[in-house]
Protein backbone atom coordinates (compact mmCIF):
# COMPACT_ATOMS: atom_id res chain seq x y z
CA MET A 1 -22.89 -190.92 125.35
CA ARG A 2 -20.42 -191.98 122.68
CA TYR A 3 -21.15 -191.38 119.03
CA LYS A 4 -19.36 -192.54 115.90
CA VAL A 5 -19.11 -189.76 113.33
CA GLN A 6 -18.25 -190.37 109.68
CA VAL A 7 -17.45 -187.75 107.07
CA ASN A 8 -15.70 -187.50 103.73
CA ILE A 9 -12.91 -185.16 102.75
CA MET A 10 -13.29 -184.23 99.11
CA PRO A 11 -10.39 -182.06 97.94
CA ASP A 12 -10.95 -179.71 95.02
CA SER A 13 -9.56 -181.17 91.85
CA SER A 14 -8.85 -179.19 88.71
CA ASP A 15 -8.78 -182.28 86.47
CA GLY A 16 -12.37 -183.29 87.24
CA PHE A 17 -11.44 -186.31 89.35
CA ALA A 18 -11.92 -186.27 93.11
CA PHE A 19 -10.31 -188.69 95.51
CA ILE A 20 -12.79 -189.02 98.38
CA GLN A 21 -11.13 -189.79 101.68
CA PRO A 22 -13.44 -191.19 104.40
CA LEU A 23 -12.76 -190.15 107.97
CA SER A 24 -14.48 -191.40 111.12
CA GLY A 25 -14.02 -191.43 114.85
CA TRP A 26 -15.68 -191.72 118.24
CA VAL A 27 -16.83 -188.61 120.12
CA ASP A 28 -18.28 -188.14 123.62
CA ALA A 29 -21.22 -185.72 123.42
CA ASP A 30 -24.75 -185.04 124.64
CA SER A 31 -26.44 -185.41 121.24
CA HIS A 32 -25.90 -186.51 117.66
CA LEU A 33 -25.60 -182.90 116.44
CA GLU A 34 -23.13 -181.96 119.17
CA ALA A 35 -21.00 -185.01 118.31
CA ALA A 36 -20.93 -183.95 114.67
CA ALA A 37 -19.96 -180.39 115.62
CA LEU A 38 -17.18 -181.51 117.95
CA PHE A 39 -15.82 -183.80 115.24
CA ILE A 40 -15.83 -180.93 112.72
CA LEU A 41 -13.96 -178.72 115.18
CA ASP A 42 -11.22 -181.37 115.40
CA ASN A 43 -11.22 -181.99 111.62
CA PRO A 44 -11.77 -178.66 109.81
CA ASP A 45 -10.91 -180.08 106.36
CA VAL A 46 -14.28 -181.85 106.11
CA SER A 47 -15.99 -180.83 102.89
CA CYS A 48 -18.79 -183.34 102.36
CA PRO A 49 -22.34 -182.00 102.36
CA VAL A 50 -23.63 -184.59 104.87
CA ILE A 51 -22.30 -185.80 108.24
CA TRP A 52 -23.31 -189.27 109.47
CA VAL A 53 -23.62 -189.96 113.20
CA VAL A 54 -24.59 -193.15 115.04
CA GLY A 55 -24.87 -193.63 118.78
CA GLU A 56 -23.91 -196.67 120.81
CA ASP A 57 -27.64 -197.44 120.94
CA TYR A 58 -27.61 -197.68 117.10
CA GLN A 59 -29.78 -194.60 116.58
CA MET A 60 -28.51 -192.83 113.49
CA GLY A 61 -28.72 -189.28 112.23
CA THR A 62 -27.50 -187.32 109.23
CA TYR A 63 -26.84 -183.60 109.32
CA PRO A 64 -26.07 -181.00 106.64
CA LEU A 65 -22.55 -179.62 107.00
CA ASP A 66 -23.88 -176.04 107.26
CA HIS A 67 -26.03 -176.96 110.28
CA VAL A 68 -23.13 -178.73 111.94
CA LYS A 69 -20.88 -175.70 111.42
CA LEU A 70 -23.58 -173.48 112.92
CA ARG A 71 -23.72 -175.70 116.02
CA ALA A 72 -19.91 -175.60 116.22
CA ASP A 73 -20.07 -171.78 116.21
CA PHE A 74 -22.30 -171.90 119.29
CA ILE A 75 -19.97 -174.38 121.03
CA VAL A 76 -16.88 -172.19 120.63
CA GLY A 77 -18.73 -168.94 121.39
CA LEU A 78 -18.75 -167.31 117.94
CA ARG A 79 -22.55 -167.07 118.19
CA SER A 80 -24.91 -166.82 121.11
CA PHE A 81 -28.65 -166.96 121.63
CA GLU A 82 -28.60 -163.24 122.51
CA ASP A 83 -27.56 -162.54 118.89
CA LEU A 84 -30.64 -164.26 117.46
CA PRO A 85 -33.59 -162.22 116.22
CA GLU A 86 -36.45 -162.00 118.71
CA LYS A 87 -38.73 -164.37 116.73
CA PHE A 88 -36.19 -167.21 117.06
CA LYS A 89 -35.69 -166.64 120.78
CA LYS A 90 -39.40 -167.25 121.36
CA GLN A 91 -39.27 -170.53 119.39
CA SER A 92 -36.21 -171.87 121.21
CA GLY A 93 -37.18 -170.90 124.74
């Protein structure tokens, strides 16, 4: 399914003013969270705390950036389910 992902890039500003730059694009993925993670992998400068995702069926989701980065780690192989503590393996399987 195709998902539209929207984020903001908020550069650090020493003068107290931040110019927020919106960024969005379409991603082919199996879920909202996977779409957000794939988008982050292609756009690593994203610094907003929330990622917005909407599917072609108009179902919308918002995800914290930390959760999206965690999912991206699994996609690229930096983390695996074997690395999880035993209590989490029981919950996910």
